[in-house]
PDB file of N, CA and C in Angstrom:
ATOM      1  N   ALA A   1      31.161   0.672 -10.830  1.00  0.00           N
ATOM      2  CA  ALA A   1      29.945   0.910  -9.941  1.00  0.00           C
ATOM      3  C   ALA A   1      30.475   1.286  -8.422  1.00  0.00           C
ATOM      4  N   GLU A   2      29.369   1.699  -8.306  1.00  0.00           N
ATOM      5  CA  GLU A   2      29.545   2.291  -6.230  1.00  0.00           C
ATOM      6  C   GLU A   2      29.677   1.306  -5.879  1.00  0.00           C
ATOM      7  N   PRO A   3      30.039   1.009  -4.318  1.00  0.00           N
ATOM      8  CA  PRO A   3      30.331   0.288  -3.392  1.00  0.00           C
ATOM      9  C   PRO A   3      28.770  -0.101  -2.713  1.00  0.00           C
ATOM     10  N   PRO A   4      28.661  -1.304  -2.726  1.00  0.00           N
ATOM     11  CA  PRO A   4      27.229  -1.714  -2.087  1.00  0.00           C
ATOM     12  C   PRO A   4      26.910  -1.173  -0.644  1.00  0.00           C
ATOM     13  N   GLU A   5      27.581  -0.546   0.207  1.00  0.00           N
ATOM     14  CA  GLU A   5      26.774   0.338   1.036  1.00  0.00           C
ATOM     15  C   GLU A   5      26.160   1.184   0.842  1.00  0.00           C
ATOM     16  N   HIS A   6      27.188   2.278  -0.901  1.00  0.00           N
ATOM     17  CA  HIS A   6      26.845   3.479  -0.830  1.00  0.00           C
ATOM     18  C   HIS A   6      25.425   3.378  -1.688  1.00  0.00           C
ATOM     19  N   ASP A   7      24.769   2.795  -2.519  1.00  0.00           N
ATOM     20  CA  ASP A   7      23.491   1.840  -2.889  1.00  0.00           C
ATOM     21  C   ASP A   7      22.393   1.900  -2.096  1.00  0.00           C
ATOM     22  N   GLU A   8      23.212   1.236  -0.881  1.00  0.00           N
ATOM     23  CA  GLU A   8      22.118   0.609  -0.172  1.00  0.00           C
ATOM     24  C   GLU A   8      21.320   1.598   0.871  1.00  0.00           C
ATOM     25  N   MET A   9      22.297   3.096   1.416  1.00  0.00           N
ATOM     26  CA  MET A   9      21.484   4.330   1.429  1.00  0.00           C
ATOM     27  C   MET A   9      20.536   4.900   0.758  1.00  0.00           C
ATOM     28  N   LEU A  10      20.607   5.003  -0.248  1.00  0.00           N
ATOM     29  CA  LEU A  10      19.863   5.092  -1.250  1.00  0.00           C
ATOM     30  C   LEU A  10      18.344   4.765  -1.370  1.00  0.00           C
ATOM     31  N   PHE A  11      18.776   3.337  -1.201  1.00  0.00           N
ATOM     32  CA  PHE A  11      17.660   2.509  -1.415  1.00  0.00           C
ATOM     33  C   PHE A  11      16.952   2.602  -0.069  1.00  0.00           C
ATOM     34  N   ILE A  12      17.428   2.842   1.302  1.00  0.00           N
ATOM     35  CA  ILE A  12      17.246   3.334   2.021  1.00  0.00           C
ATOM     36  C   ILE A  12      16.106   4.242   2.410  1.00  0.00           C
ATOM     37  N   VAL A  13      16.242   5.185   2.287  1.00  0.00           N
ATOM     38  CA  VAL A  13      16.392   6.585   1.912  1.00  0.00           C
ATOM     39  C   VAL A  13      14.771   6.338   1.070  1.00  0.00           C
ATOM     40  N   ILE A  14      15.209   6.227  -0.299  1.00  0.00           N
ATOM     41  CA  ILE A  14      13.886   6.053  -1.247  1.00  0.00           C
ATOM     42  C   ILE A  14      12.823   5.582  -0.850  1.00  0.00           C
ATOM     43  N   HIS A  15      13.066   3.703  -0.272  1.00  0.00           N
ATOM     44  CA  HIS A  15      11.944   3.385   0.388  1.00  0.00           C
ATOM     45  C   HIS A  15      10.685   4.206   1.767  1.00  0.00           C
ATOM     46  N   GLN A  16      11.580   4.242   2.530  1.00  0.00           N
ATOM     47  CA  GLN A  16      11.006   5.671   3.784  1.00  0.00           C
ATOM     48  C   GLN A  16      10.330   6.585   3.115  1.00  0.00           C
ATOM     49  N   VAL A  17      10.981   6.802   2.246  1.00  0.00           N
ATOM     50  CA  VAL A  17      10.102   8.729   1.340  1.00  0.00           C
ATOM     51  C   VAL A  17       8.606   7.862   0.672  1.00  0.00           C
ATOM     52  N   TYR A  18       9.046   6.860   0.404  1.00  0.00           N
ATOM     53  CA  TYR A  18       7.711   6.337  -0.384  1.00  0.00           C
ATOM     54  C   TYR A  18       6.649   6.048   0.611  1.00  0.00           C
ATOM     55  N   GLU A  19       7.310   5.482   2.107  1.00  0.00           N
ATOM     56  CA  GLU A  19       6.252   5.352   2.596  1.00  0.00           C
ATOM     57  C   GLU A  19       5.686   6.342   3.233  1.00  0.00           C
ATOM     58  N   LEU A  20       6.245   7.607   3.453  1.00  0.00           N
ATOM     59  CA  LEU A  20       6.225   8.582   3.873  1.00  0.00           C
ATOM     60  C   LEU A  20       4.847   9.086   2.878  1.00  0.00           C
ATOM     61  N   TRP A  21       4.803   8.920   1.835  1.00  0.00           N
ATOM     62  CA  TRP A  21       3.961   9.489   0.601  1.00  0.00           C
ATOM     63  C   TRP A  21       2.745   8.691   0.770  1.00  0.00           C
ATOM     64  N   PHE A  22       2.867   7.685   0.961  1.00  0.00           N
ATOM     65  CA  PHE A  22       1.643   6.808   0.662  1.00  0.00           C
ATOM     66  C   PHE A  22       1.032   7.136   2.196  1.00  0.00           C
ATOM     67  N   LYS A  23       1.645   7.295   3.569  1.00  0.00           N
ATOM     68  CA  LYS A  23       0.821   7.919   4.565  1.00  0.00           C
ATOM     69  C   LYS A  23      -0.129   8.961   4.319  1.00  0.00           C
ATOM     70  N   GLN A  24       0.637   9.557   3.916  1.00  0.00           N
ATOM     71  CA  GLN A  24      -0.134  10.844   2.990  1.00  0.00           C
ATOM     72  C   GLN A  24      -0.918  10.495   2.227  1.00  0.00           C
ATOM     73  N   LEU A  25      -1.064  10.034   1.590  1.00  0.00           N
ATOM     74  CA  LEU A  25      -1.840   9.584   0.574  1.00  0.00           C
ATOM     75  C   LEU A  25      -3.927   8.923   0.978  1.00  0.00           C
ATOM     76  N   LEU A  26      -2.988   8.142   2.190  1.00  0.00           N
ATOM     77  CA  LEU A  26      -3.810   7.569   3.102  1.00  0.00           C
ATOM     78  C   LEU A  26      -4.948   8.606   4.080  1.00  0.00           C
ATOM     79  N   HIS A  27      -4.102   9.504   4.366  1.00  0.00           N
ATOM     80  CA  HIS A  27      -4.619  10.722   5.064  1.00  0.00           C
ATOM     81  C   HIS A  27      -5.280  11.596   4.152  1.00  0.00           C
ATOM     82  N   GLU A  28      -4.986  11.857   3.084  1.00  0.00           N
ATOM     83  CA  GLU A  28      -5.637  12.864   1.969  1.00  0.00           C
ATOM     84  C   GLU A  28      -6.768  12.193   1.655  1.00  0.00           C
ATOM     85  N   LEU A  29      -7.133  10.723   1.093  1.00  0.00           N
ATOM     86  CA  LEU A  29      -8.077  10.322   0.744  1.00  0.00           C
ATOM     87  C   LEU A  29      -9.648   9.741   1.941  1.00  0.00           C
ATOM     88  N   ASP A  30      -8.714   9.322   3.158  1.00  0.00           N
ATOM     89  CA  ASP A  30      -9.699  10.024   4.099  1.00  0.00           C
ATOM     90  C   ASP A  30     -10.381  10.978   4.348  1.00  0.00           C
ATOM     91  N   ALA A  31     -10.005  12.093   4.365  1.00  0.00           N
ATOM     92  CA  ALA A  31     -10.083  13.568   4.179  1.00  0.00           C
ATOM     93  C   ALA A  31     -11.197  13.456   3.101  1.00  0.00           C
ATOM     94  N   ILE A  32     -10.929  13.077   2.345  1.00  0.00           N
ATOM     95  CA  ILE A  32     -11.680  13.226   0.397  1.00  0.00           C
ATOM     96  C   ILE A  32     -12.872  12.400   0.981  1.00  0.00           C
ATOM     97  N   LYS A  33     -12.962  11.471   1.946  1.00  0.00           N
ATOM     98  CA  LYS A  33     -14.434  10.501   1.947  1.00  0.00           C
ATOM     99  C   LYS A  33     -15.110  11.263   2.792  1.00  0.00           C
ATOM    100  N   LYS A  34     -14.596  11.618   3.730  1.00  0.00           N
ATOM    101  CA  LYS A  34     -15.338  12.757   4.463  1.00  0.00           C
ATOM    102  C   LYS A  34     -15.925  14.073   3.994  1.00  0.00           C
ATOM    103  N   LEU A  35     -14.560  14.732   3.311  1.00  0.00           N
ATOM    104  CA  LEU A  35     -15.756  15.986   2.868  1.00  0.00           C
ATOM    105  C   LEU A  35     -16.902  15.570   1.463  1.00  0.00           C
ATOM    106  N   PHE A  36     -16.433  14.363   1.034  1.00  0.00           N
ATOM    107  CA  PHE A  36     -17.561  14.059   0.144  1.00  0.00           C
ATOM    108  C   PHE A  36     -18.816  13.195   0.688  1.00  0.00           C
ATOM    109  N   SER A  37     -18.531  13.031   1.811  1.00  0.00           N
ATOM    110  CA  SER A  37     -20.256  12.667   2.424  1.00  0.00           C
ATOM    111  C   SER A  37     -20.647  14.146   2.593  1.00  0.00           C
ATOM    112  N   ALA A  38     -19.894  14.782   3.259  1.00  0.00           N
ATOM    113  CA  ALA A  38     -20.772  16.164   3.918  1.00  0.00           C
ATOM    114  C   ALA A  38     -20.956  16.498   2.558  1.00  0.00           C
ATOM    115  N   ASN A  39     -20.725  16.494   1.085  1.00  0.00           N
ATOM    116  CA  ASN A  39     -21.401  17.302   0.229  1.00  0.00           C
ATOM    117  C   ASN A  39     -20.502  18.286   0.069  1.00  0.00           C
ATOM    118  N   ASP A  40     -18.985  17.933   0.180  1.00  0.00           N
ATOM    119  CA  ASP A  40     -18.044  19.462   0.066  1.00  0.00           C
ATOM    120  C   ASP A  40     -17.489  19.100  -0.519  1.00  0.00           C
ATOM    121  N   LEU A  41     -18.099  19.608  -1.954  1.00  0.00           N
ATOM    122  CA  LEU A  41     -17.314  18.915  -3.397  1.00  0.00           C
ATOM    123  C   LEU A  41     -15.829  19.426  -3.733  1.00  0.00           C
ATOM    124  N   PHE A  42     -16.162  21.259  -3.782  1.00  0.00           N
ATOM    125  CA  PHE A  42     -14.846  21.980  -3.481  1.00  0.00           C
ATOM    126  C   PHE A  42     -13.578  21.414  -2.721  1.00  0.00           C
ATOM    127  N   GLY A  43     -13.843  21.250  -1.905  1.00  0.00           N
ATOM    128  CA  GLY A  43     -13.135  20.815  -0.682  1.00  0.00           C
ATOM    129  C   GLY A  43     -12.481  19.008  -1.055  1.00  0.00           C
ATOM    130  N   SER A  44     -13.192  18.709  -1.533  1.00  0.00           N
ATOM    131  CA  SER A  44     -13.164  17.244  -2.315  1.00  0.00           C
ATOM    132  C   SER A  44     -11.986  17.469  -3.590  1.00  0.00           C
ATOM    133  N   ILE A  45     -12.337  18.508  -4.552  1.00  0.00           N
ATOM    134  CA  ILE A  45     -11.332  19.100  -5.324  1.00  0.00           C
ATOM    135  C   ILE A  45     -10.054  19.236  -5.132  1.00  0.00           C
ATOM    136  N   HIS A  46     -10.514  20.038  -3.933  1.00  0.00           N
ATOM    137  CA  HIS A  46      -8.806  20.333  -3.676  1.00  0.00           C
ATOM    138  C   HIS A  46      -8.139  19.490  -3.324  1.00  0.00           C
ATOM    139  N   LEU A  47      -8.326  18.352  -2.343  1.00  0.00           N
ATOM    140  CA  LEU A  47      -7.861  17.455  -1.957  1.00  0.00           C
ATOM    141  C   LEU A  47      -7.328  16.357  -3.296  1.00  0.00           C
ATOM    142  N   PHE A  48      -8.410  15.957  -4.183  1.00  0.00           N
ATOM    143  CA  PHE A  48      -8.059  15.327  -5.396  1.00  0.00           C
ATOM    144  C   PHE A  48      -6.869  15.849  -6.186  1.00  0.00           C
ATOM    145  N   LYS A  49      -6.680  17.073  -6.007  1.00  0.00           N
ATOM    146  CA  LYS A  49      -5.847  17.765  -7.070  1.00  0.00           C
ATOM    147  C   LYS A  49      -4.222  17.650  -6.110  1.00  0.00           C
ATOM    148  N   ARG A  50      -4.469  17.535  -4.766  1.00  0.00           N
ATOM    149  CA  ARG A  50      -3.024  17.183  -3.691  1.00  0.00           C
ATOM    150  C   ARG A  50      -2.794  15.820  -3.970  1.00  0.00           C
ATOM    151  N   VAL A  51      -3.681  14.724  -3.890  1.00  0.00           N
ATOM    152  CA  VAL A  51      -3.221  13.707  -4.146  1.00  0.00           C
ATOM    153  C   VAL A  51      -2.245  13.529  -5.416  1.00  0.00           C
ATOM    154  N   ARG A  52      -3.442  14.121  -6.512  1.00  0.00           N
ATOM    155  CA  ARG A  52      -2.483  13.903  -7.994  1.00  0.00           C
ATOM    156  C   ARG A  52      -1.231  14.842  -7.756  1.00  0.00           C
ATOM    157  N   MET A  53      -0.808  15.401  -7.381  1.00  0.00           N
ATOM    158  CA  MET A  53       0.184  16.053  -7.796  1.00  0.00           C
ATOM    159  C   MET A  53       1.353  15.256  -6.572  1.00  0.00           C
ATOM    160  N   ILE A  54       1.331  14.752  -5.473  1.00  0.00           N
ATOM    161  CA  ILE A  54       1.846  13.661  -4.610  1.00  0.00           C
ATOM    162  C   ILE A  54       1.774  12.485  -5.781  1.00  0.00           C
ATOM    163  N   LEU A  55       1.008  11.934  -6.125  1.00  0.00           N
ATOM    164  CA  LEU A  55       1.056  10.740  -7.380  1.00  0.00           C
ATOM    165  C   LEU A  55       2.358  11.346  -8.266  1.00  0.00           C
ATOM    166  N   LYS A  56       2.011  12.788  -9.114  1.00  0.00           N
ATOM    167  CA  LYS A  56       3.090  13.011  -9.831  1.00  0.00           C
ATOM    168  C   LYS A  56       4.358  13.772  -9.431  1.00  0.00           C
ATOM    169  N   THR A  57       4.761  13.642  -7.852  1.00  0.00           N
ATOM    170  CA  THR A  57       5.796  13.497  -7.192  1.00  0.00           C
ATOM    171  C   THR A  57       6.229  11.927  -7.132  1.00  0.00           C
ATOM    172  N   LEU A  58       5.582  11.036  -6.621  1.00  0.00           N
ATOM    173  CA  LEU A  58       5.925   9.648  -6.921  1.00  0.00           C
ATOM    174  C   LEU A  58       6.786   8.934  -8.197  1.00  0.00           C
ATOM    175  N   VAL A  59       5.965   9.066  -9.037  1.00  0.00           N
ATOM    176  CA  VAL A  59       5.932   8.891 -10.044  1.00  0.00           C
ATOM    177  C   VAL A  59       7.799   9.288 -10.807  1.00  0.00           C
ATOM    178  N   GLY A  60       7.859  10.591 -10.601  1.00  0.00           N
ATOM    179  CA  GLY A  60       9.143  11.421 -10.928  1.00  0.00           C
ATOM    180  C   GLY A  60      10.282  10.908 -10.021  1.00  0.00           C
ATOM    181  N   GLN A  61      10.013  10.005  -8.946  1.00  0.00           N
ATOM    182  CA  GLN A  61      11.242   9.680  -7.834  1.00  0.00           C
ATOM    183  C   GLN A  61      11.137   8.715  -8.593  1.00  0.00           C
ATOM    184  N   LEU A  62      10.708   7.712  -9.517  1.00  0.00           N
ATOM    185  CA  LEU A  62      10.578   6.293 -10.093  1.00  0.00           C
ATOM    186  C   LEU A  62      12.561   6.058 -10.644  1.00  0.00           C
ATOM    187  N   ASP A  63      12.674   7.532 -11.440  1.00  0.00           N
ATOM    188  CA  ASP A  63      13.903   7.748 -11.803  1.00  0.00           C
ATOM    189  C   ASP A  63      15.128   7.493 -10.893  1.00  0.00           C
ATOM    190  N   ILE A  64      14.931   7.915 -10.098  1.00  0.00           N
ATOM    191  CA  ILE A  64      16.236   7.372  -9.040  1.00  0.00           C
ATOM    192  C   ILE A  64      16.486   6.606  -8.805  1.00  0.00           C
TER     193      ILE A  64
END
């Protein structure tokens, strides 16, 4: 196995990346709420697709 300090770096990076993705998700969901309230269905769907891709990316990173 790798020395603990090597794995610690990976742990830190992965958690920082997840924090950034979750911040982006909150940003997108807030925009979706505003678009939905303004009856902008197409804009909402576009951002929902983006949220879906972000979530797929997050799930894909679980293997690391």
